[in-house]
């Protein structure tokens, strides 16, 4: 929660039970370089791939935009985290009894 208050951090959570509009098959990061060019890194089980083809990067940007549109952001994301935390604490308390 404290990280979400940093000015350079944007918190977005794709809640369980929400059917996303895009398939998130693997982790990826879209990097924008100082010269404005972009590249995408993809983590697989055996290595990290780096994509530099603008068309491939465009596809990953579309997937990112779709997932972001389906996500809870800002105050809604913080409330979701607070609810999850409270539920986890209640569950732990119940199990301790």
N, C-alpha and C. Protein backbone atom coordinates (compact mmCIF):
# COMPACT_ATOMS: atom_id res chain seq x y z
N UNK A 1 0.82 -1.19 0.00
CA UNK A 1 0.00 0.00 0.00
C UNK A 1 0.87 1.26 0.00
N UNK A 2 1.97 1.21 0.75
CA UNK A 2 2.80 2.42 0.81
C UNK A 2 3.47 2.71 -0.53
N UNK A 3 3.81 1.69 -1.30
CA UNK A 3 4.42 1.91 -2.60
C UNK A 3 3.45 2.64 -3.53
N UNK A 4 2.16 2.34 -3.41
CA UNK A 4 1.15 2.97 -4.27
C UNK A 4 1.06 4.48 -4.06
N UNK A 5 1.60 4.99 -2.97
CA UNK A 5 1.55 6.43 -2.71
C UNK A 5 2.69 7.19 -3.38
N UNK A 6 3.66 6.48 -3.92
CA UNK A 6 4.79 7.13 -4.59
C UNK A 6 4.34 7.77 -5.90
N UNK A 7 4.83 8.97 -6.21
CA UNK A 7 4.37 9.67 -7.41
C UNK A 7 4.71 8.95 -8.72
N UNK A 8 5.75 8.13 -8.72
CA UNK A 8 6.14 7.45 -9.95
C UNK A 8 5.52 6.05 -10.07
N UNK A 9 4.62 5.71 -9.14
CA UNK A 9 4.01 4.37 -9.14
C UNK A 9 2.53 4.48 -9.46
N UNK A 10 2.10 3.62 -10.35
CA UNK A 10 0.69 3.51 -10.70
C UNK A 10 0.27 2.08 -10.39
N UNK A 11 -0.71 1.91 -9.53
CA UNK A 11 -1.16 0.59 -9.11
C UNK A 11 -2.41 0.20 -9.87
N UNK A 12 -2.37 -0.96 -10.51
CA UNK A 12 -3.52 -1.51 -11.22
C UNK A 12 -3.63 -2.97 -10.85
N UNK A 13 -4.83 -3.42 -10.52
CA UNK A 13 -5.04 -4.80 -10.10
C UNK A 13 -6.15 -5.40 -10.96
N UNK A 14 -5.86 -6.53 -11.56
CA UNK A 14 -6.87 -7.26 -12.30
C UNK A 14 -7.53 -8.22 -11.32
N UNK A 15 -8.74 -7.90 -10.86
CA UNK A 15 -9.38 -8.72 -9.82
C UNK A 15 -9.70 -10.13 -10.32
N UNK A 16 -9.65 -11.10 -9.40
CA UNK A 16 -10.08 -12.44 -9.75
C UNK A 16 -11.58 -12.39 -10.00
N UNK A 17 -12.06 -13.26 -10.83
CA UNK A 17 -13.47 -13.27 -11.14
C UNK A 17 -13.85 -12.35 -12.28
N UNK A 18 -12.93 -11.51 -12.71
CA UNK A 18 -13.18 -10.62 -13.85
C UNK A 18 -12.63 -11.32 -15.09
N UNK A 19 -13.46 -11.41 -16.10
CA UNK A 19 -13.00 -12.02 -17.35
C UNK A 19 -12.27 -10.94 -18.16
N UNK A 20 -10.94 -11.07 -18.27
CA UNK A 20 -10.18 -10.03 -18.98
C UNK A 20 -10.49 -10.03 -20.48
N UNK A 21 -10.36 -8.87 -21.09
CA UNK A 21 -10.61 -8.74 -22.52
C UNK A 21 -9.42 -9.19 -23.36
N UNK A 22 -8.30 -9.49 -22.72
CA UNK A 22 -7.11 -9.99 -23.41
C UNK A 22 -6.49 -11.11 -22.58
N UNK A 23 -5.82 -12.02 -23.23
CA UNK A 23 -5.16 -13.11 -22.53
C UNK A 23 -3.79 -12.65 -22.07
N UNK A 24 -3.52 -12.82 -20.79
CA UNK A 24 -2.21 -12.47 -20.23
C UNK A 24 -1.44 -13.78 -20.09
N UNK A 25 -0.77 -14.18 -21.16
CA UNK A 25 -0.13 -15.49 -21.23
C UNK A 25 1.21 -15.55 -20.51
N UNK A 26 1.89 -14.42 -20.37
CA UNK A 26 3.21 -14.40 -19.75
C UNK A 26 3.57 -12.96 -19.38
N UNK A 27 4.49 -12.82 -18.42
CA UNK A 27 4.90 -11.46 -18.01
C UNK A 27 5.66 -10.75 -19.13
N UNK A 28 5.43 -9.46 -19.25
CA UNK A 28 6.18 -8.66 -20.21
C UNK A 28 6.29 -7.23 -19.70
N UNK A 29 7.30 -6.53 -20.21
CA UNK A 29 7.52 -5.13 -19.86
C UNK A 29 7.77 -4.37 -21.16
N UNK A 30 7.08 -3.25 -21.31
CA UNK A 30 7.30 -2.38 -22.47
C UNK A 30 8.17 -1.22 -22.00
N UNK A 31 9.33 -1.09 -22.59
CA UNK A 31 10.29 -0.04 -22.21
C UNK A 31 10.26 1.07 -23.26
N UNK A 32 10.20 2.31 -22.81
CA UNK A 32 10.36 3.45 -23.71
C UNK A 32 11.72 4.05 -23.41
N UNK A 33 12.56 4.07 -24.41
CA UNK A 33 13.94 4.53 -24.26
C UNK A 33 14.02 6.05 -24.40
N UNK A 34 15.13 6.64 -23.94
CA UNK A 34 15.27 8.11 -23.99
C UNK A 34 15.06 8.71 -25.38
N UNK A 35 15.38 7.94 -26.43
CA UNK A 35 15.20 8.47 -27.79
C UNK A 35 13.77 8.29 -28.31
N UNK A 36 12.88 7.75 -27.45
CA UNK A 36 11.49 7.57 -27.83
C UNK A 36 11.18 6.21 -28.43
N UNK A 37 12.21 5.46 -28.77
CA UNK A 37 11.97 4.12 -29.31
C UNK A 37 11.52 3.19 -28.19
N UNK A 38 10.97 2.07 -28.55
CA UNK A 38 10.48 1.12 -27.55
C UNK A 38 11.02 -0.27 -27.82
N UNK A 39 11.03 -1.06 -26.75
CA UNK A 39 11.31 -2.47 -26.85
C UNK A 39 10.48 -3.18 -25.79
N UNK A 40 10.23 -4.44 -26.02
CA UNK A 40 9.45 -5.23 -25.08
C UNK A 40 10.28 -6.41 -24.64
N UNK A 41 10.34 -6.65 -23.33
CA UNK A 41 11.00 -7.84 -22.81
C UNK A 41 9.93 -8.79 -22.30
N UNK A 42 10.15 -10.07 -22.55
CA UNK A 42 9.21 -11.12 -22.19
C UNK A 42 9.95 -12.16 -21.38
N UNK A 43 9.40 -12.51 -20.23
CA UNK A 43 10.00 -13.52 -19.38
C UNK A 43 9.39 -14.88 -19.70
N UNK A 44 10.24 -15.85 -20.01
CA UNK A 44 9.79 -17.22 -20.20
C UNK A 44 10.44 -18.08 -19.12
N UNK A 45 10.13 -19.37 -19.11
CA UNK A 45 10.72 -20.25 -18.11
C UNK A 45 12.23 -20.40 -18.28
N UNK A 46 12.72 -20.25 -19.51
CA UNK A 46 14.13 -20.52 -19.75
C UNK A 46 14.98 -19.31 -20.11
N UNK A 47 14.33 -18.21 -20.50
CA UNK A 47 15.12 -17.03 -20.85
C UNK A 47 14.24 -15.81 -20.99
N UNK A 48 14.88 -14.67 -21.18
CA UNK A 48 14.16 -13.43 -21.43
C UNK A 48 14.32 -13.08 -22.90
N UNK A 49 13.21 -12.78 -23.55
CA UNK A 49 13.22 -12.39 -24.95
C UNK A 49 13.12 -10.88 -25.05
N UNK A 50 13.77 -10.30 -26.04
CA UNK A 50 13.69 -8.86 -26.29
C UNK A 50 13.15 -8.65 -27.69
N UNK A 51 12.02 -7.96 -27.77
CA UNK A 51 11.41 -7.65 -29.06
C UNK A 51 11.67 -6.19 -29.40
N UNK A 52 12.07 -5.94 -30.64
CA UNK A 52 12.32 -4.56 -31.09
C UNK A 52 11.47 -4.20 -32.30
N UNK A 53 10.78 -5.16 -32.88
CA UNK A 53 9.94 -4.91 -34.04
C UNK A 53 8.73 -4.06 -33.63
N UNK A 54 8.52 -2.91 -34.24
CA UNK A 54 7.42 -2.02 -33.85
C UNK A 54 6.04 -2.71 -33.89
N UNK A 55 5.80 -3.59 -34.84
CA UNK A 55 4.51 -4.27 -34.93
C UNK A 55 4.30 -5.19 -33.73
N UNK A 56 5.33 -5.91 -33.33
CA UNK A 56 5.22 -6.78 -32.15
C UNK A 56 5.00 -5.94 -30.89
N UNK A 57 5.71 -4.85 -30.77
CA UNK A 57 5.55 -3.96 -29.61
C UNK A 57 4.14 -3.39 -29.58
N UNK A 58 3.58 -3.05 -30.74
CA UNK A 58 2.21 -2.54 -30.83
C UNK A 58 1.21 -3.57 -30.28
N UNK A 59 1.42 -4.83 -30.60
CA UNK A 59 0.53 -5.88 -30.11
C UNK A 59 0.59 -5.97 -28.59
N UNK A 60 1.79 -5.92 -28.03
CA UNK A 60 1.92 -5.96 -26.57
C UNK A 60 1.33 -4.71 -25.93
N UNK A 61 1.44 -3.58 -26.60
CA UNK A 61 0.81 -2.35 -26.09
C UNK A 61 -0.70 -2.49 -26.06
N UNK A 62 -1.27 -3.13 -27.07
CA UNK A 62 -2.72 -3.35 -27.11
C UNK A 62 -3.16 -4.28 -25.98
N UNK A 63 -2.38 -5.35 -25.75
CA UNK A 63 -2.70 -6.27 -24.65
C UNK A 63 -2.64 -5.52 -23.32
N UNK A 64 -1.60 -4.72 -23.13
CA UNK A 64 -1.46 -3.94 -21.89
C UNK A 64 -2.65 -3.00 -21.70
N UNK A 65 -3.01 -2.28 -22.76
CA UNK A 65 -4.14 -1.34 -22.67
C UNK A 65 -5.44 -2.06 -22.33
N UNK A 66 -5.65 -3.23 -22.91
CA UNK A 66 -6.86 -4.00 -22.63
C UNK A 66 -6.90 -4.46 -21.17
N UNK A 67 -5.77 -4.98 -20.69
CA UNK A 67 -5.71 -5.43 -19.30
C UNK A 67 -5.87 -4.26 -18.33
N UNK A 68 -5.28 -3.13 -18.65
CA UNK A 68 -5.42 -1.94 -17.81
C UNK A 68 -6.87 -1.48 -17.75
N UNK A 69 -7.56 -1.53 -18.87
CA UNK A 69 -8.97 -1.13 -18.90
C UNK A 69 -9.84 -2.04 -18.02
N UNK A 70 -9.44 -3.29 -17.88
CA UNK A 70 -10.18 -4.26 -17.06
C UNK A 70 -9.81 -4.18 -15.58
N UNK A 71 -8.79 -3.43 -15.25
CA UNK A 71 -8.23 -3.41 -13.90
C UNK A 71 -8.84 -2.35 -12.99
N UNK A 72 -8.73 -2.63 -11.70
CA UNK A 72 -9.05 -1.62 -10.69
C UNK A 72 -7.81 -0.73 -10.57
N UNK A 73 -8.02 0.58 -10.54
CA UNK A 73 -6.90 1.52 -10.43
C UNK A 73 -7.20 2.55 -9.36
N UNK A 74 -6.18 3.29 -8.99
CA UNK A 74 -6.35 4.40 -8.04
C UNK A 74 -7.02 3.97 -6.75
N UNK A 75 -8.02 4.74 -6.33
CA UNK A 75 -8.71 4.50 -5.08
C UNK A 75 -9.37 3.12 -5.06
N UNK A 76 -9.92 2.71 -6.19
CA UNK A 76 -10.56 1.40 -6.28
C UNK A 76 -9.55 0.27 -6.03
N UNK A 77 -8.34 0.40 -6.56
CA UNK A 77 -7.30 -0.61 -6.34
C UNK A 77 -6.89 -0.65 -4.87
N UNK A 78 -6.73 0.52 -4.26
CA UNK A 78 -6.36 0.56 -2.84
C UNK A 78 -7.46 -0.06 -1.98
N UNK A 79 -8.72 0.20 -2.30
CA UNK A 79 -9.82 -0.40 -1.54
C UNK A 79 -9.83 -1.92 -1.71
N UNK A 80 -9.54 -2.39 -2.91
CA UNK A 80 -9.47 -3.83 -3.15
C UNK A 80 -8.37 -4.46 -2.30
N UNK A 81 -7.22 -3.83 -2.25
CA UNK A 81 -6.11 -4.34 -1.42
C UNK A 81 -6.48 -4.32 0.06
N UNK A 82 -7.12 -3.26 0.51
CA UNK A 82 -7.53 -3.18 1.91
C UNK A 82 -8.54 -4.28 2.25
N UNK A 83 -9.46 -4.56 1.36
CA UNK A 83 -10.43 -5.63 1.57
C UNK A 83 -9.73 -6.98 1.63
N UNK A 84 -8.81 -7.22 0.71
CA UNK A 84 -8.06 -8.49 0.70
C UNK A 84 -7.25 -8.65 1.98
N UNK A 85 -6.64 -7.58 2.44
CA UNK A 85 -5.85 -7.63 3.68
C UNK A 85 -6.75 -7.96 4.86
N UNK A 86 -7.89 -7.31 4.95
CA UNK A 86 -8.82 -7.57 6.06
C UNK A 86 -9.31 -9.01 6.04
N UNK A 87 -9.63 -9.53 4.86
CA UNK A 87 -10.07 -10.91 4.74
C UNK A 87 -8.98 -11.89 5.15
N UNK A 88 -7.74 -11.60 4.76
CA UNK A 88 -6.62 -12.48 5.12
C UNK A 88 -6.39 -12.45 6.63
N UNK A 89 -6.47 -11.28 7.25
CA UNK A 89 -6.30 -11.18 8.70
C UNK A 89 -7.42 -11.91 9.43
N UNK A 90 -8.66 -11.76 8.95
CA UNK A 90 -9.79 -12.46 9.56
C UNK A 90 -9.61 -13.96 9.46
N UNK A 91 -9.16 -14.43 8.30
CA UNK A 91 -8.95 -15.85 8.07
C UNK A 91 -7.85 -16.39 9.01
N UNK A 92 -6.77 -15.64 9.13
CA UNK A 92 -5.66 -16.06 9.99
C UNK A 92 -6.11 -16.10 11.45
N UNK A 93 -6.92 -15.11 11.82
CA UNK A 93 -7.44 -15.05 13.19
C UNK A 93 -8.35 -16.24 13.46
N UNK A 94 -9.20 -16.59 12.52
CA UNK A 94 -10.11 -17.72 12.67
C UNK A 94 -9.36 -19.04 12.80
N UNK A 95 -8.30 -19.18 12.03
CA UNK A 95 -7.51 -20.41 12.05
C UNK A 95 -6.73 -20.54 13.37
N UNK A 96 -6.40 -19.42 13.97
CA UNK A 96 -5.63 -19.43 15.23
C UNK A 96 -6.49 -19.86 16.40
N UNK A 97 -7.79 -19.75 16.27
CA UNK A 97 -8.69 -20.11 17.37
C UNK A 97 -8.85 -21.58 17.53
